[in-house]
Amino acid sequence: MKKGIHPDNYRPVVFKDMSNEDMFITRSTINAKETIEIDGVTYPLVKVEISSTSHPFYTGKAKLVDTAGRVDKFMSRYGNRNKK
């Protein structure tokens, strides 16, 4: 590895998945504004929207998204342009 290009301020950080409240601790250099206490130790806290514990690729569960309303809205706006 090249010297002087890698950060040297790695520390334990808690990443919290906001969709299912799952948390995991890993080493990172990310700046965090919040902290959390786990087992008497205070860690920096980073909130994420999705992680491997909630992503459909890893869980095998697909989330149902209401696209029918979006399609109807699109068709009402742009669907009749070619019919004249």
PDB file of N, CA and C in Angstrom:
ATOM      1  N   MET A   1       0.840  -1.189   0.000  1.00  0.00           N
ATOM      2  CA  MET A   1       0.000   0.000   0.000  1.00  0.00           C
ATOM      3  C   MET A   1       0.878   1.242   0.000  1.00  0.00           C
ATOM      4  N   LYS A   2       0.381   2.281  -0.634  1.00  0.00           N
ATOM      5  CA  LYS A   2       1.109   3.541  -0.636  1.00  0.00           C
ATOM      6  C   LYS A   2       0.990   4.204   0.725  1.00  0.00           C
ATOM      7  N   LYS A   3       2.037   4.845   1.128  1.00  0.00           N
ATOM      8  CA  LYS A   3       2.037   5.531   2.419  1.00  0.00           C
ATOM      9  C   LYS A   3       1.483   6.940   2.257  1.00  0.00           C
ATOM     10  N   GLY A   4       0.754   7.398   3.284  1.00  0.00           N
ATOM     11  CA  GLY A   4       0.264   8.762   3.322  1.00  0.00           C
ATOM     12  C   GLY A   4      -1.035   9.034   2.584  1.00  0.00           C
ATOM     13  N   ILE A   5      -1.659   8.026   1.987  1.00  0.00           N
ATOM     14  CA  ILE A   5      -2.918   8.287   1.272  1.00  0.00           C
ATOM     15  C   ILE A   5      -4.140   7.747   2.025  1.00  0.00           C
ATOM     16  N   HIS A   6      -3.932   6.956   3.043  1.00  0.00           N
ATOM     17  CA  HIS A   6      -5.045   6.373   3.792  1.00  0.00           C
ATOM     18  C   HIS A   6      -5.275   7.151   5.082  1.00  0.00           C
ATOM     19  N   PRO A   7      -6.541   7.377   5.458  1.00  0.00           N
ATOM     20  CA  PRO A   7      -6.817   8.091   6.710  1.00  0.00           C
ATOM     21  C   PRO A   7      -6.388   7.251   7.904  1.00  0.00           C
ATOM     22  N   ASP A   8      -6.002   7.930   8.954  1.00  0.00           N
ATOM     23  CA  ASP A   8      -5.553   7.206  10.144  1.00  0.00           C
ATOM     24  C   ASP A   8      -6.434   7.487  11.356  1.00  0.00           C
ATOM     25  N   ASN A   9      -7.625   8.017  11.138  1.00  0.00           N
ATOM     26  CA  ASN A   9      -8.531   8.294  12.254  1.00  0.00           C
ATOM     27  C   ASN A   9      -9.717   7.325  12.292  1.00  0.00           C
ATOM     28  N   TYR A  10      -9.466   6.053  12.034  1.00  0.00           N
ATOM     29  CA  TYR A  10     -10.514   5.037  12.133  1.00  0.00           C
ATOM     30  C   TYR A  10     -10.918   4.863  13.587  1.00  0.00           C
ATOM     31  N   ARG A  11     -12.221   4.746  13.824  1.00  0.00           N
ATOM     32  CA  ARG A  11     -12.743   4.527  15.175  1.00  0.00           C
ATOM     33  C   ARG A  11     -14.049   3.752  15.054  1.00  0.00           C
ATOM     34  N   PRO A  12     -14.498   3.105  16.121  1.00  0.00           N
ATOM     35  CA  PRO A  12     -15.789   2.399  16.073  1.00  0.00           C
ATOM     36  C   PRO A  12     -16.944   3.397  15.921  1.00  0.00           C
ATOM     37  N   VAL A  13     -17.859   3.092  15.007  1.00  0.00           N
ATOM     38  CA  VAL A  13     -19.023   3.939  14.729  1.00  0.00           C
ATOM     39  C   VAL A  13     -20.246   3.043  14.652  1.00  0.00           C
ATOM     40  N   VAL A  14     -21.380   3.526  15.152  1.00  0.00           N
ATOM     41  CA  VAL A  14     -22.644   2.788  15.078  1.00  0.00           C
ATOM     42  C   VAL A  14     -23.421   3.299  13.870  1.00  0.00           C
ATOM     43  N   PHE A  15     -23.835   2.379  13.000  1.00  0.00           N
ATOM     44  CA  PHE A  15     -24.712   2.682  11.884  1.00  0.00           C
ATOM     45  C   PHE A  15     -26.087   2.131  12.230  1.00  0.00           C
ATOM     46  N   LYS A  16     -27.115   2.993  12.161  1.00  0.00           N
ATOM     47  CA  LYS A  16     -28.476   2.597  12.525  1.00  0.00           C
ATOM     48  C   LYS A  16     -29.363   2.667  11.290  1.00  0.00           C
ATOM     49  N   ASP A  17     -29.969   1.542  10.958  1.00  0.00           N
ATOM     50  CA  ASP A  17     -30.910   1.458   9.846  1.00  0.00           C
ATOM     51  C   ASP A  17     -32.247   2.002  10.331  1.00  0.00           C
ATOM     52  N   MET A  18     -32.706   3.096   9.729  1.00  0.00           N
ATOM     53  CA  MET A  18     -33.925   3.751  10.203  1.00  0.00           C
ATOM     54  C   MET A  18     -35.195   3.014   9.793  1.00  0.00           C
ATOM     55  N   SER A  19     -35.131   2.118   8.821  1.00  0.00           N
ATOM     56  CA  SER A  19     -36.340   1.416   8.391  1.00  0.00           C
ATOM     57  C   SER A  19     -36.705   0.265   9.316  1.00  0.00           C
ATOM     58  N   ASN A  20     -35.717  -0.346   9.978  1.00  0.00           N
ATOM     59  CA  ASN A  20     -36.040  -1.451  10.888  1.00  0.00           C
ATOM     60  C   ASN A  20     -35.339  -1.347  12.239  1.00  0.00           C
ATOM     61  N   GLU A  21     -34.712  -0.199  12.516  1.00  0.00           N
ATOM     62  CA  GLU A  21     -34.074   0.083  13.805  1.00  0.00           C
ATOM     63  C   GLU A  21     -32.902  -0.849  14.132  1.00  0.00           C
ATOM     64  N   ASP A  22     -32.365  -1.533  13.148  1.00  0.00           N
ATOM     65  CA  ASP A  22     -31.228  -2.416  13.366  1.00  0.00           C
ATOM     66  C   ASP A  22     -29.954  -1.578  13.448  1.00  0.00           C
ATOM     67  N   MET A  23     -29.034  -1.956  14.340  1.00  0.00           N
ATOM     68  CA  MET A  23     -27.782  -1.224  14.511  1.00  0.00           C
ATOM     69  C   MET A  23     -26.604  -2.181  14.411  1.00  0.00           C
ATOM     70  N   PHE A  24     -25.492  -1.691  13.871  1.00  0.00           N
ATOM     71  CA  PHE A  24     -24.263  -2.466  13.871  1.00  0.00           C
ATOM     72  C   PHE A  24     -23.084  -1.522  14.052  1.00  0.00           C
ATOM     73  N   ILE A  25     -22.034  -2.046  14.648  1.00  0.00           N
ATOM     74  CA  ILE A  25     -20.833  -1.274  14.951  1.00  0.00           C
ATOM     75  C   ILE A  25     -19.723  -1.720  14.011  1.00  0.00           C
ATOM     76  N   THR A  26     -19.084  -0.745  13.395  1.00  0.00           N
ATOM     77  CA  THR A  26     -17.955  -1.020  12.524  1.00  0.00           C
ATOM     78  C   THR A  26     -16.989   0.149  12.615  1.00  0.00           C
ATOM     79  N   ARG A  27     -15.798  -0.033  12.084  1.00  0.00           N
ATOM     80  CA  ARG A  27     -14.815   1.045  12.119  1.00  0.00           C
ATOM     81  C   ARG A  27     -14.996   1.928  10.895  1.00  0.00           C
ATOM     82  N   SER A  28     -14.918   3.254  11.112  1.00  0.00           N
ATOM     83  CA  SER A  28     -15.123   4.197  10.024  1.00  0.00           C
ATOM     84  C   SER A  28     -14.451   5.522  10.341  1.00  0.00           C
ATOM     85  N   THR A  29     -14.308   6.355   9.312  1.00  0.00           N
ATOM     86  CA  THR A  29     -13.774   7.707   9.489  1.00  0.00           C
ATOM     87  C   THR A  29     -14.851   8.759   9.287  1.00  0.00           C
ATOM     88  N   ILE A  30     -16.104   8.354   9.125  1.00  0.00           N
ATOM     89  CA  ILE A  30     -17.198   9.276   8.835  1.00  0.00           C
ATOM     90  C   ILE A  30     -17.426  10.223  10.013  1.00  0.00           C
ATOM     91  N   ASN A  31     -17.787  11.478   9.679  1.00  0.00           N
ATOM     92  CA  ASN A  31     -18.110  12.455  10.705  1.00  0.00           C
ATOM     93  C   ASN A  31     -19.560  12.265  11.123  1.00  0.00           C
ATOM     94  N   ALA A  32     -19.796  12.210  12.428  1.00  0.00           N
ATOM     95  CA  ALA A  32     -21.144  12.008  12.948  1.00  0.00           C
ATOM     96  C   ALA A  32     -21.494  13.146  13.896  1.00  0.00           C
ATOM     97  N   LYS A  33     -22.741  13.601  13.812  1.00  0.00           N
ATOM     98  CA  LYS A  33     -23.200  14.693  14.675  1.00  0.00           C
ATOM     99  C   LYS A  33     -23.864  14.182  15.940  1.00  0.00           C
ATOM    100  N   GLU A  34     -24.314  12.938  15.927  1.00  0.00           N
ATOM    101  CA  GLU A  34     -25.018  12.375  17.074  1.00  0.00           C
ATOM    102  C   GLU A  34     -24.192  11.261  17.692  1.00  0.00           C
ATOM    103  N   THR A  35     -24.512  10.934  18.940  1.00  0.00           N
ATOM    104  CA  THR A  35     -23.853   9.824  19.628  1.00  0.00           C
ATOM    105  C   THR A  35     -24.921   8.920  20.231  1.00  0.00           C
ATOM    106  N   ILE A  36     -24.514   7.696  20.539  1.00  0.00           N
ATOM    107  CA  ILE A  36     -25.402   6.736  21.172  1.00  0.00           C
ATOM    108  C   ILE A  36     -24.579   5.918  22.160  1.00  0.00           C
ATOM    109  N   GLU A  37     -25.220   5.509  23.238  1.00  0.00           N
ATOM    110  CA  GLU A  37     -24.534   4.704  24.244  1.00  0.00           C
ATOM    111  C   GLU A  37     -25.012   3.260  24.149  1.00  0.00           C
ATOM    112  N   ILE A  38     -24.062   2.354  23.959  1.00  0.00           N
ATOM    113  CA  ILE A  38     -24.359   0.926  23.887  1.00  0.00           C
ATOM    114  C   ILE A  38     -23.449   0.217  24.867  1.00  0.00           C
ATOM    115  N   ASP A  39     -24.039  -0.514  25.799  1.00  0.00           N
ATOM    116  CA  ASP A  39     -23.299  -1.262  26.824  1.00  0.00           C
ATOM    117  C   ASP A  39     -22.320  -0.380  27.583  1.00  0.00           C
ATOM    118  N   GLY A  40     -22.726   0.848  27.869  1.00  0.00           N
ATOM    119  CA  GLY A  40     -21.901   1.756  28.652  1.00  0.00           C
ATOM    120  C   GLY A  40     -20.807   2.465  27.874  1.00  0.00           C
ATOM    121  N   VAL A  41     -20.740   2.262  26.584  1.00  0.00           N
ATOM    122  CA  VAL A  41     -19.726   2.912  25.740  1.00  0.00           C
ATOM    123  C   VAL A  41     -20.447   3.865  24.787  1.00  0.00           C
ATOM    124  N   THR A  42     -19.942   5.076  24.655  1.00  0.00           N
ATOM    125  CA  THR A  42     -20.535   6.068  23.768  1.00  0.00           C
ATOM    126  C   THR A  42     -19.846   6.018  22.410  1.00  0.00           C
ATOM    127  N   TYR A  43     -20.666   5.871  21.368  1.00  0.00           N
ATOM    128  CA  TYR A  43     -20.172   5.788  19.994  1.00  0.00           C
ATOM    129  C   TYR A  43     -20.783   6.910  19.160  1.00  0.00           C
ATOM    130  N   PRO A  44     -20.106   7.353  18.104  1.00  0.00           N
ATOM    131  CA  PRO A  44     -20.752   8.242  17.131  1.00  0.00           C
ATOM    132  C   PRO A  44     -21.855   7.471  16.407  1.00  0.00           C
ATOM    133  N   LEU A  45     -22.956   8.148  16.091  1.00  0.00           N
ATOM    134  CA  LEU A  45     -24.116   7.504  15.456  1.00  0.00           C
ATOM    135  C   LEU A  45     -24.331   8.071  14.067  1.00  0.00           C
ATOM    136  N   VAL A  46     -24.464   7.172  13.077  1.00  0.00           N
ATOM    137  CA  VAL A  46     -24.785   7.552  11.700  1.00  0.00           C
ATOM    138  C   VAL A  46     -26.075   6.838  11.334  1.00  0.00           C
ATOM    139  N   LYS A  47     -27.082   7.623  10.927  1.00  0.00           N
ATOM    140  CA  LYS A  47     -28.373   7.058  10.548  1.00  0.00           C
ATOM    141  C   LYS A  47     -28.400   6.847   9.042  1.00  0.00           C
ATOM    142  N   VAL A  48     -28.791   5.641   8.624  1.00  0.00           N
ATOM    143  CA  VAL A  48     -28.894   5.306   7.205  1.00  0.00           C
ATOM    144  C   VAL A  48     -30.324   4.878   6.897  1.00  0.00           C
ATOM    145  N   GLU A  49     -30.754   5.099   5.668  1.00  0.00           N
ATOM    146  CA  GLU A  49     -32.115   4.747   5.262  1.00  0.00           C
ATOM    147  C   GLU A  49     -32.271   3.260   4.985  1.00  0.00           C
ATOM    148  N   ILE A  50     -31.232   2.629   4.481  1.00  0.00           N
ATOM    149  CA  ILE A  50     -31.321   1.220   4.106  1.00  0.00           C
ATOM    150  C   ILE A  50     -29.965   0.564   4.329  1.00  0.00           C
ATOM    151  N   SER A  51     -29.989  -0.672   4.754  1.00  0.00           N
ATOM    152  CA  SER A  51     -28.755  -1.434   4.956  1.00  0.00           C
ATOM    153  C   SER A  51     -29.001  -2.864   4.485  1.00  0.00           C
ATOM    154  N   SER A  52     -28.041  -3.725   4.699  1.00  0.00           N
ATOM    155  CA  SER A  52     -28.196  -5.112   4.257  1.00  0.00           C
ATOM    156  C   SER A  52     -29.299  -5.842   5.026  1.00  0.00           C
ATOM    157  N   THR A  53     -29.690  -5.345   6.197  1.00  0.00           N
ATOM    158  CA  THR A  53     -30.759  -5.996   6.954  1.00  0.00           C
ATOM    159  C   THR A  53     -32.151  -5.602   6.473  1.00  0.00           C
ATOM    160  N   SER A  54     -32.242  -4.565   5.621  1.00  0.00           N
ATOM    161  CA  SER A  54     -33.558  -4.164   5.136  1.00  0.00           C
ATOM    162  C   SER A  54     -33.640  -4.081   3.609  1.00  0.00           C
ATOM    163  N   HIS A  55     -32.545  -4.255   2.903  1.00  0.00           N
ATOM    164  CA  HIS A  55     -32.553  -4.163   1.441  1.00  0.00           C
ATOM    165  C   HIS A  55     -33.193  -5.418   0.850  1.00  0.00           C
ATOM    166  N   PRO A  56     -34.103  -5.262  -0.113  1.00  0.00           N
ATOM    167  CA  PRO A  56     -34.794  -6.423  -0.685  1.00  0.00           C
ATOM    168  C   PRO A  56     -33.863  -7.445  -1.324  1.00  0.00           C
ATOM    169  N   PHE A  57     -32.736  -7.032  -1.856  1.00  0.00           N
ATOM    170  CA  PHE A  57     -31.802  -7.984  -2.460  1.00  0.00           C
ATOM    171  C   PHE A  57     -31.268  -8.963  -1.419  1.00  0.00           C
ATOM    172  N   TYR A  58     -30.967  -8.479  -0.229  1.00  0.00           N
ATOM    173  CA  TYR A  58     -30.403  -9.339   0.818  1.00  0.00           C
ATOM    174  C   TYR A  58     -31.469 -10.072   1.620  1.00  0.00           C
ATOM    175  N   THR A  59     -32.651  -9.472   1.760  1.00  0.00           N
ATOM    176  CA  THR A  59     -33.689 -10.103   2.568  1.00  0.00           C
ATOM    177  C   THR A  59     -34.569 -11.038   1.760  1.00  0.00           C
ATOM    178  N   GLY A  60     -34.643 -10.837   0.441  1.00  0.00           N
ATOM    179  CA  GLY A  60     -35.493 -11.665  -0.398  1.00  0.00           C
ATOM    180  C   GLY A  60     -36.938 -11.239  -0.385  1.00  0.00           C
ATOM    181  N   LYS A  61     -37.245 -10.141   0.285  1.00  0.00           N
ATOM    182  CA  LYS A  61     -38.612  -9.639   0.353  1.00  0.00           C
ATOM    183  C   LYS A  61     -38.700  -8.353  -0.454  1.00  0.00           C
ATOM    184  N   ALA A  62     -39.642  -8.298  -1.352  1.00  0.00           N
ATOM    185  CA  ALA A  62     -39.837  -7.102  -2.158  1.00  0.00           C
ATOM    186  C   ALA A  62     -40.826  -6.189  -1.451  1.00  0.00           C
ATOM    187  N   LYS A  63     -40.545  -4.906  -1.446  1.00  0.00           N
ATOM    188  CA  LYS A  63     -41.473  -3.943  -0.874  1.00  0.00           C
ATOM    189  C   LYS A  63     -42.494  -3.562  -1.931  1.00  0.00           C
ATOM    190  N   LEU A  64     -43.739  -3.474  -1.520  1.00  0.00           N
ATOM    191  CA  LEU A  64     -44.812  -3.097  -2.424  1.00  0.00           C
ATOM    192  C   LEU A  64     -44.836  -1.577  -2.549  1.00  0.00           C
ATOM    193  N   VAL A  65     -44.666  -1.092  -3.760  1.00  0.00           N
ATOM    194  CA  VAL A  65     -44.674   0.339  -4.024  1.00  0.00           C
ATOM    195  C   VAL A  65     -45.919   0.661  -4.824  1.00  0.00           C
ATOM    196  N   ASP A  66     -46.634   1.680  -4.426  1.00  0.00           N
ATOM    197  CA  ASP A  66     -47.863   2.080  -5.109  1.00  0.00           C
ATOM    198  C   ASP A  66     -47.511   2.831  -6.379  1.00  0.00           C
ATOM    199  N   THR A  67     -47.393   2.089  -7.492  1.00  0.00           N
ATOM    200  CA  THR A  67     -47.066   2.726  -8.764  1.00  0.00           C
ATOM    201  C   THR A  67     -48.315   2.984  -9.590  1.00  0.00           C
ATOM    202  N   ALA A  68     -49.435   2.395  -9.217  1.00  0.00           N
ATOM    203  CA  ALA A  68     -50.659   2.588 -10.001  1.00  0.00           C
ATOM    204  C   ALA A  68     -51.058   4.057 -10.007  1.00  0.00           C
ATOM    205  N   GLY A  69     -50.953   4.724  -8.901  1.00  0.00           N
ATOM    206  CA  GLY A  69     -51.273   6.142  -8.843  1.00  0.00           C
ATOM    207  C   GLY A  69     -50.335   6.964  -9.694  1.00  0.00           C
ATOM    208  N   ARG A  70     -49.067   6.596  -9.714  1.00  0.00           N
ATOM    209  CA  ARG A  70     -48.091   7.320 -10.523  1.00  0.00           C
ATOM    210  C   ARG A  70     -48.346   7.110 -12.016  1.00  0.00           C
ATOM    211  N   VAL A  71     -48.682   5.882 -12.399  1.00  0.00           N
ATOM    212  CA  VAL A  71     -48.951   5.587 -13.805  1.00  0.00           C
ATOM    213  C   VAL A  71     -50.202   6.330 -14.262  1.00  0.00           C
ATOM    214  N   ASP A  72     -51.248   6.324 -13.465  1.00  0.00           N
ATOM    215  CA  ASP A  72     -52.471   7.035 -13.817  1.00  0.00           C
ATOM    216  C   ASP A  72     -52.223   8.533 -13.960  1.00  0.00           C
ATOM    217  N   LYS A  73     -51.433   9.080 -13.082  1.00  0.00           N
ATOM    218  CA  LYS A  73     -51.112  10.496 -13.146  1.00  0.00           C
ATOM    219  C   LYS A  73     -50.329  10.813 -14.423  1.00  0.00           C
ATOM    220  N   PHE A  74     -49.373   9.952 -14.773  1.00  0.00           N
ATOM    221  CA  PHE A  74     -48.597  10.143 -15.990  1.00  0.00           C
ATOM    222  C   PHE A  74     -49.492  10.065 -17.220  1.00  0.00           C
ATOM    223  N   MET A  75     -50.364   9.058 -17.265  1.00  0.00           N
ATOM    224  CA  MET A  75     -51.239   8.879 -18.423  1.00  0.00           C
ATOM    225  C   MET A  75     -52.224  10.043 -18.562  1.00  0.00           C
ATOM    226  N   SER A  76     -52.685  10.586 -17.435  1.00  0.00           N
ATOM    227  CA  SER A  76     -53.605  11.716 -17.530  1.00  0.00           C
ATOM    228  C   SER A  76     -52.896  12.962 -18.043  1.00  0.00           C
ATOM    229  N   ARG A  77     -51.630  13.096 -17.774  1.00  0.00           N
ATOM    230  CA  ARG A  77     -50.877  14.255 -18.252  1.00  0.00           C
ATOM    231  C   ARG A  77     -50.394  14.090 -19.692  1.00  0.00           C
ATOM    232  N   TYR A  78     -49.786  12.944 -19.988  1.00  0.00           N
ATOM    233  CA  TYR A  78     -49.078  12.776 -21.241  1.00  0.00           C
ATOM    234  C   TYR A  78     -49.633  11.660 -22.138  1.00  0.00           C
ATOM    235  N   GLY A  79     -50.580  10.910 -21.689  1.00  0.00           N
ATOM    236  CA  GLY A  79     -51.043   9.755 -22.431  1.00  0.00           C
ATOM    237  C   GLY A  79     -51.811  10.063 -23.691  1.00  0.00           C
ATOM    238  N   ASN A  80     -52.477  11.203 -23.770  1.00  0.00           N
ATOM    239  CA  ASN A  80     -53.339  11.526 -24.908  1.00  0.00           C
ATOM    240  C   ASN A  80     -52.664  12.433 -25.934  1.00  0.00           C
ATOM    241  N   ARG A  81     -51.387  12.569 -25.924  1.00  0.00           N
ATOM    242  CA  ARG A  81     -50.697  13.481 -26.844  1.00  0.00           C
ATOM    243  C   ARG A  81     -50.662  12.955 -28.274  1.00  0.00           C
ATOM    244  N   ASN A  82     -50.588  11.655 -28.466  1.00  0.00           N
ATOM    245  CA  ASN A  82     -50.499  11.091 -29.819  1.00  0.00           C
ATOM    246  C   ASN A  82     -51.871  10.858 -30.452  1.00  0.00           C
ATOM    247  N   LYS A  83     -52.943  10.971 -29.705  1.00  0.00           N
ATOM    248  CA  LYS A  83     -54.288  10.713 -30.221  1.00  0.00           C
ATOM    249  C   LYS A  83     -54.904  12.025 -30.697  1.00  0.00           C
ATOM    250  N   LYS A  84     -54.875  12.249 -32.003  1.00  0.00           N
ATOM    251  CA  LYS A  84     -55.506  13.445 -32.572  1.00  0.00           C
ATOM    252  C   LYS A  84     -56.147  13.134 -33.881  1.00  0.00           C
TER     253      LYS A  84
END
